[in-house]
Amino acid sequence: MWRWRKALQQWVLRHTPREAQTRLTQRRIYLLPTRFGSMMLLVALAVWIGALNYAVSLAYVLSFWIVALMLLSVLLAYRQLAGLQLQARAAANVFAGDEARFLLQLQWPDTQPRRLRVRWYEADTVLAECTTPGDYALPLAAPYRGQLAMPVLRLWSEAPLGLVRAFSHVRLQAALWVYPQPLADPRELAWHGGDGESTAIEAGGDDFAGLAPWQAGQSLRRIAWRVYARRGSLAAREFTSPATAGGQPSLSWDDYAANVLPEQRLSHLCWHVLQASRAGTGLLLRLPQGEYCVEAGNSEPALLALARFGVRDAGG
């Protein structure tokens, strides 16, 4: 059963084209009886067989009534999806490990309410129950950096009798970028002054800002030995300093040792970009594909460069 279901999923993915927007017509809507509907058909068959054996007119009426009810359910379930228009709206980029939210716009020609359900094709969790036209946010886990394309959607309805399920599969052309997960980095930055000279500063400068847990790789001179004597735990002294006039700290991809994994480098760089943007000091980020200047409140270009690093476009 599992192999059969996997093969069916692969077939659906291959035969579902990616579209900017779509409208569900008769050729895109499929109809199958639900479990309850299948039981009703079996009851109708059993009653009809009994009516043949015992010539009971009421039994004929009951069996034909059940069949007529199933045919009516086919029409009513089909009307729940007929003419439905779908389009993906722009979605916000997220960081790795967060939850992405794709925006789905639903419209239909009439004003009658409908009862639809939406989920990702390869998942079982219902994402949204739609009764009126509008925009619906569809959550999706984003565990990895790169481009995240909108998966295939499955829309279905069993309204109003629950005897027949009308369903369709849609793949919309939408994607978003997943930034690296920020990871704190005690690395010393190079400070570029207005005269072009470069000096190394120790994670902030000379003004004492507080204590933080000591991490392996930090300078031993930053350890607060008095705190260690009292508490028995290592703590590092944190320093800050205002940016010099015309100066700007910089960080390069090549500043890290060769044994540091690429994803770890990107996470450290992402953390520095966010810190510089929030502090308003700015940052010059050097990557193999180019240089990016991070200004206060404007870290988007640098974050996109980190997200795109070594990733081919997913065709979003």
Protein backbone atom coordinates (compact mmCIF):
# COMPACT_ATOMS: atom_id res chain seq x y z
CA MET A 1 0.00 0.00 0.00
CA TRP A 2 2.81 2.40 0.85
CA ARG A 3 4.55 1.78 -2.48
CA TRP A 4 1.30 2.26 -4.36
CA ARG A 5 0.63 5.54 -2.56
CA LYS A 6 4.21 6.76 -3.20
CA ALA A 7 3.92 5.95 -6.91
CA LEU A 8 0.60 7.81 -7.07
CA GLN A 9 2.15 10.87 -5.41
CA GLN A 10 5.03 10.90 -7.89
CA TRP A 11 2.58 10.64 -10.80
CA VAL A 12 0.53 13.56 -9.47
CA LEU A 13 3.66 15.70 -9.03
CA ARG A 14 4.82 14.99 -12.60
CA HIS A 15 1.43 15.80 -14.13
CA THR A 16 0.68 18.94 -12.11
CA PRO A 17 2.20 21.94 -13.91
CA ARG A 18 3.31 25.02 -12.02
CA GLU A 19 0.97 27.94 -12.73
CA ALA A 20 0.91 31.60 -11.75
CA GLN A 21 -2.85 31.32 -11.25
CA THR A 22 -5.47 28.76 -12.13
CA ARG A 23 -9.20 28.18 -12.37
CA LEU A 24 -10.76 24.83 -11.53
CA THR A 25 -12.88 23.48 -14.36
CA GLN A 26 -14.56 20.15 -15.02
CA ARG A 27 -11.29 18.56 -16.21
CA ARG A 28 -9.47 19.52 -12.97
CA ILE A 29 -12.03 18.23 -10.44
CA TYR A 30 -12.19 14.59 -9.37
CA LEU A 31 -15.06 12.87 -7.55
CA LEU A 32 -14.96 9.78 -5.32
CA PRO A 33 -17.37 8.42 -2.69
CA THR A 34 -16.31 8.89 0.91
CA ARG A 35 -16.17 5.97 3.35
CA PHE A 36 -19.70 6.79 4.49
CA GLY A 37 -20.83 7.09 0.88
CA SER A 38 -19.31 3.70 0.03
CA MET A 39 -21.20 2.14 2.95
CA MET A 40 -24.43 3.72 1.69
CA LEU A 41 -23.87 2.18 -1.74
CA LEU A 42 -23.31 -1.24 -0.16
CA VAL A 43 -26.54 -0.83 1.81
CA ALA A 44 -28.38 0.13 -1.38
CA LEU A 45 -26.99 -2.97 -3.11
CA ALA A 46 -27.98 -5.23 -0.22
CA VAL A 47 -31.49 -3.77 -0.08
CA TRP A 48 -31.89 -4.15 -3.83
CA ILE A 49 -30.83 -7.82 -3.68
CA GLY A 50 -33.34 -8.38 -0.86
CA ALA A 51 -36.04 -6.68 -2.90
CA LEU A 52 -35.34 -9.07 -5.82
CA ASN A 53 -35.63 -12.13 -3.59
CA TYR A 54 -38.71 -11.10 -1.61
CA ALA A 55 -40.41 -8.73 -4.09
CA VAL A 56 -40.77 -5.93 -1.52
CA SER A 57 -41.72 -2.69 -3.26
CA LEU A 58 -40.58 -0.47 -0.36
CA ALA A 59 -37.14 -2.07 -0.56
CA TYR A 60 -36.90 -1.03 -4.21
CA VAL A 61 -37.90 2.49 -3.25
CA LEU A 62 -35.24 2.63 -0.50
CA SER A 63 -32.43 1.37 -2.73
CA PHE A 64 -33.33 3.75 -5.57
CA TRP A 65 -33.63 6.62 -3.09
CA ILE A 66 -30.08 5.96 -1.81
CA VAL A 67 -28.74 5.89 -5.36
CA ALA A 68 -30.54 9.14 -6.18
CA LEU A 69 -29.09 10.72 -3.05
CA MET A 70 -25.58 9.69 -4.14
CA LEU A 71 -26.10 11.22 -7.59
CA LEU A 72 -27.31 14.45 -5.98
CA SER A 73 -24.24 14.45 -3.72
CA VAL A 74 -22.02 14.21 -6.79
CA LEU A 75 -23.51 17.41 -8.20
CA LEU A 76 -23.45 19.31 -4.89
CA ALA A 77 -19.84 18.33 -4.11
CA TYR A 78 -18.73 19.30 -7.61
CA ARG A 79 -20.28 22.75 -7.22
CA GLN A 80 -18.10 23.39 -4.14
CA LEU A 81 -14.96 23.48 -6.33
CA ALA A 82 -16.35 24.48 -9.73
CA GLY A 83 -15.10 27.87 -10.93
CA LEU A 84 -12.70 28.30 -8.02
CA GLN A 85 -9.83 30.70 -8.85
CA LEU A 86 -6.51 30.36 -7.03
CA GLN A 87 -3.47 32.62 -6.96
CA ALA A 88 -0.44 32.80 -4.68
CA ARG A 89 0.38 36.17 -3.12
CA ALA A 90 3.86 37.42 -2.19
CA ALA A 91 5.20 35.74 0.96
CA ALA A 92 7.75 37.11 3.43
CA ASN A 93 11.22 35.57 3.67
CA VAL A 94 12.09 33.73 6.89
CA PHE A 95 15.11 32.38 8.77
CA ALA A 96 16.00 28.70 8.78
CA GLY A 97 14.15 26.88 11.54
CA ASP A 98 11.19 29.27 11.43
CA GLU A 99 7.76 28.70 9.90
CA ALA A 100 7.11 30.09 6.44
CA ARG A 101 3.63 31.33 5.51
CA PHE A 102 2.49 31.20 1.91
CA LEU A 103 -0.52 33.38 1.07
CA LEU A 104 -3.28 31.81 -1.02
CA GLN A 105 -5.97 33.96 -2.62
CA LEU A 106 -9.29 32.23 -3.30
CA GLN A 107 -12.09 33.67 -5.44
CA TRP A 108 -15.26 32.24 -6.99
CA PRO A 109 -17.81 33.80 -9.32
CA ASP A 110 -20.94 33.57 -7.16
CA THR A 111 -21.65 34.94 -3.70
CA GLN A 112 -22.73 31.66 -2.15
CA PRO A 113 -20.56 30.40 0.74
CA ARG A 114 -18.56 27.25 0.12
CA ARG A 115 -16.97 24.71 2.43
CA LEU A 116 -13.45 23.89 1.28
CA ARG A 117 -10.40 22.43 2.97
CA VAL A 118 -6.78 22.94 1.95
CA ARG A 119 -3.63 20.97 2.80
CA TRP A 120 -0.24 20.23 1.30
CA TYR A 121 -0.46 17.21 -0.96
CA GLU A 122 2.17 15.16 0.89
CA ALA A 123 0.85 16.06 4.37
CA ASP A 124 -2.29 15.14 6.30
CA THR A 125 -2.79 18.29 8.37
CA VAL A 126 -5.60 20.62 7.31
CA LEU A 127 -4.11 24.08 6.74
CA ALA A 128 -7.27 26.12 6.24
CA GLU A 129 -11.03 25.73 6.10
CA CYS A 130 -12.35 28.21 3.56
CA THR A 131 -15.94 29.42 3.55
CA THR A 132 -15.58 32.89 2.01
CA PRO A 133 -13.35 34.40 -0.71
CA GLY A 134 -10.14 36.03 0.47
CA ASP A 135 -6.51 35.42 1.44
CA TYR A 136 -5.49 32.44 3.57
CA ALA A 137 -2.08 31.92 5.21
CA LEU A 138 -0.69 28.40 4.74
CA PRO A 139 2.13 27.50 7.19
CA LEU A 140 5.09 25.40 6.08
CA ALA A 141 8.22 24.43 8.01
CA ALA A 142 11.46 25.95 6.66
CA PRO A 143 14.28 23.92 8.25
CA TYR A 144 16.97 24.63 5.63
CA ARG A 145 18.55 27.68 4.01
CA GLY A 146 17.83 28.38 0.36
CA GLN A 147 14.79 28.86 -1.80
CA LEU A 148 11.53 27.30 -0.66
CA ALA A 149 8.98 26.68 -3.41
CA MET A 150 5.29 26.34 -2.67
CA PRO A 151 4.39 22.62 -2.62
CA VAL A 152 1.45 21.05 -4.40
CA LEU A 153 -1.89 21.92 -2.84
CA ARG A 154 -4.79 19.55 -2.36
CA LEU A 155 -8.24 21.12 -2.16
CA TRP A 156 -11.30 19.08 -1.34
CA SER A 157 -14.87 19.27 -0.11
CA GLU A 158 -17.38 16.71 1.16
CA ALA A 159 -20.14 19.27 1.63
CA PRO A 160 -23.02 19.24 2.06
CA LEU A 161 -23.95 15.57 2.65
CA GLY A 162 -20.56 13.95 3.23
CA LEU A 163 -21.25 11.15 0.74
CA VAL A 164 -18.97 12.27 -2.12
CA ARG A 165 -15.56 13.97 -2.01
CA ALA A 166 -14.65 16.46 -4.72
CA PHE A 167 -10.91 17.20 -4.88
CA SER A 168 -8.24 18.76 -7.04
CA HIS A 169 -4.45 19.27 -7.06
CA VAL A 170 -2.86 22.64 -7.79
CA ARG A 171 0.79 23.72 -7.99
CA LEU A 172 1.11 27.50 -7.87
CA GLN A 173 4.20 29.43 -8.94
CA ALA A 174 5.38 30.92 -5.67
CA ALA A 175 8.60 30.76 -3.65
CA LEU A 176 10.40 32.55 -0.86
CA TRP A 177 13.97 32.71 0.44
CA VAL A 178 15.08 31.13 3.69
CA TYR A 179 17.93 33.02 5.37
CA PRO A 180 20.61 31.16 7.36
CA GLN A 181 19.82 30.59 11.01
CA PRO A 182 21.66 33.29 13.02
CA LEU A 183 24.41 31.85 15.20
CA ALA A 184 26.31 34.00 17.72
CA ASP A 185 29.96 34.53 16.80
CA PRO A 186 32.67 35.97 19.11
CA ARG A 187 34.90 36.75 16.13
CA GLU A 188 36.77 40.06 16.12
CA LEU A 189 35.76 42.39 13.32
CA ALA A 190 38.08 44.59 11.26
CA TRP A 191 37.24 48.28 11.57
CA HIS A 192 37.73 50.42 8.47
CA GLY A 193 38.14 54.06 9.30
CA GLY A 194 37.35 57.00 7.13
CA ASP A 195 41.01 57.28 6.01
CA GLY A 196 40.94 53.73 4.67
CA GLU A 197 43.02 52.26 7.50
CA SER A 198 41.94 48.98 9.01
CA THR A 199 42.28 48.07 12.67
CA ALA A 200 41.06 45.08 14.62
CA ILE A 201 38.63 45.66 17.47
CA GLU A 202 37.45 43.15 19.98
CA ALA A 203 33.71 42.59 19.52
CA GLY A 204 32.69 46.11 20.29
CA GLY A 205 35.51 48.23 21.66
CA ASP A 206 36.65 49.55 25.04
CA ASP A 207 33.42 50.42 26.89
CA PHE A 208 32.39 47.70 29.33
CA ALA A 209 28.84 46.47 28.52
CA GLY A 210 28.38 43.46 30.80
CA LEU A 211 29.10 39.77 31.22
CA ALA A 212 28.22 36.83 29.01
CA PRO A 213 28.99 33.09 29.17
CA TRP A 214 32.52 32.41 27.98
CA GLN A 215 32.77 30.42 24.73
CA ALA A 216 35.64 28.34 23.43
CA GLY A 217 37.79 30.36 21.07
CA GLN A 218 37.42 33.66 22.90
CA SER A 219 40.47 35.46 24.21
CA LEU A 220 41.54 34.46 27.75
CA ARG A 221 41.99 38.15 28.54
CA ARG A 222 38.23 38.60 28.41
CA ILE A 223 37.57 36.11 31.23
CA ALA A 224 36.28 37.73 34.42
CA TRP A 225 38.47 35.87 36.92
CA ARG A 226 36.86 37.44 39.96
CA VAL A 227 33.48 36.15 38.85
CA TYR A 228 35.03 32.72 38.33
CA ALA A 229 36.49 32.80 41.86
CA ARG A 230 33.10 33.62 43.38
CA ARG A 231 30.78 31.49 41.22
CA GLY A 232 33.03 28.80 39.78
CA SER A 233 31.80 29.46 36.21
CA LEU A 234 33.58 31.18 33.34
CA ALA A 235 32.17 34.51 32.18
CA ALA A 236 33.46 36.80 29.44
CA ARG A 237 33.48 40.58 29.58
CA GLU A 238 31.58 42.26 26.74
CA PHE A 239 32.65 45.64 25.35
CA THR A 240 31.02 48.15 23.05
CA SER A 241 32.22 51.26 21.29
CA PRO A 242 30.56 53.82 19.04
CA ALA A 243 31.50 53.78 15.39
CA THR A 244 34.24 56.19 14.47
CA ALA A 245 33.39 58.95 12.06
CA GLY A 246 33.29 57.54 8.54
CA GLY A 247 34.34 54.11 9.84
CA GLN A 248 32.67 50.78 9.30
CA PRO A 249 33.39 47.23 10.50
CA SER A 250 33.86 44.55 7.87
CA LEU A 251 33.69 40.79 7.76
CA SER A 252 34.72 38.44 4.98
CA TRP A 253 33.91 34.86 4.04
CA ASP A 254 37.65 34.17 4.03
CA ASP A 255 38.09 35.33 7.63
CA TYR A 256 37.05 31.88 8.86
CA ALA A 257 39.27 28.85 9.05
CA ALA A 258 39.02 26.21 6.34
CA ASN A 259 37.61 23.64 8.78
CA VAL A 260 34.54 25.80 9.51
CA LEU A 261 31.59 24.34 7.58
CA PRO A 262 29.96 26.62 4.96
CA GLU A 263 26.56 26.59 6.68
CA GLN A 264 28.18 27.52 9.98
CA ARG A 265 30.02 30.39 8.32
CA LEU A 266 26.77 31.64 6.80
CA SER A 267 25.02 31.45 10.17
CA HIS A 268 27.79 33.49 11.82
CA LEU A 269 27.74 36.05 9.02
CA CYS A 270 23.97 36.30 9.28
CA TRP A 271 24.26 37.00 13.01
CA HIS A 272 26.79 39.78 12.38
CA VAL A 273 24.58 41.31 9.69
CA LEU A 274 21.59 41.44 12.05
CA GLN A 275 23.68 42.84 14.90
CA ALA A 276 25.12 45.59 12.70
CA SER A 277 21.72 46.51 11.31
CA ARG A 278 20.13 46.75 14.76
CA ALA A 279 23.03 48.67 16.29
CA GLY A 280 23.17 51.13 13.40
CA THR A 281 26.94 50.76 13.00
CA GLY A 282 26.72 49.24 9.54
CA LEU A 283 28.83 46.41 8.16
CA LEU A 284 30.75 45.66 4.98
CA LEU A 285 30.12 42.02 4.10
CA ARG A 286 32.51 40.37 1.68
CA LEU A 287 31.36 37.16 -0.03
CA PRO A 288 32.90 35.30 -2.97
CA GLN A 289 30.15 36.65 -5.26
CA GLY A 290 30.50 40.29 -4.18
CA GLU A 291 30.45 42.91 -1.44
CA TYR A 292 27.36 44.10 0.39
CA CYS A 293 27.00 47.16 2.59
CA VAL A 294 24.70 46.68 5.56
CA GLU A 295 23.13 49.89 6.80
CA ALA A 296 20.93 50.56 9.80
CA GLY A 297 17.56 48.90 9.26
CA ASN A 298 18.47 47.70 5.76
CA SER A 299 19.94 44.21 5.95
CA GLU A 300 17.78 42.69 3.20
CA PRO A 301 20.38 42.68 0.35
CA ALA A 302 23.02 41.03 2.54
CA LEU A 303 20.57 38.46 3.92
CA LEU A 304 19.42 37.58 0.41
CA ALA A 305 23.04 37.15 -0.67
CA LEU A 306 23.59 34.74 2.22
CA ALA A 307 20.40 32.83 1.39
CA ARG A 308 21.34 32.55 -2.30
CA PHE A 309 24.92 31.46 -1.61
CA GLY A 310 25.55 28.30 -3.66
CA VAL A 311 21.83 27.77 -4.39
CA ARG A 312 20.31 27.52 -7.84
CA ASP A 313 16.99 29.28 -8.44
CA ALA A 314 14.05 27.00 -7.68
CA GLY A 315 11.94 28.63 -10.36
CA GLY A 316 9.64 30.27 -7.83
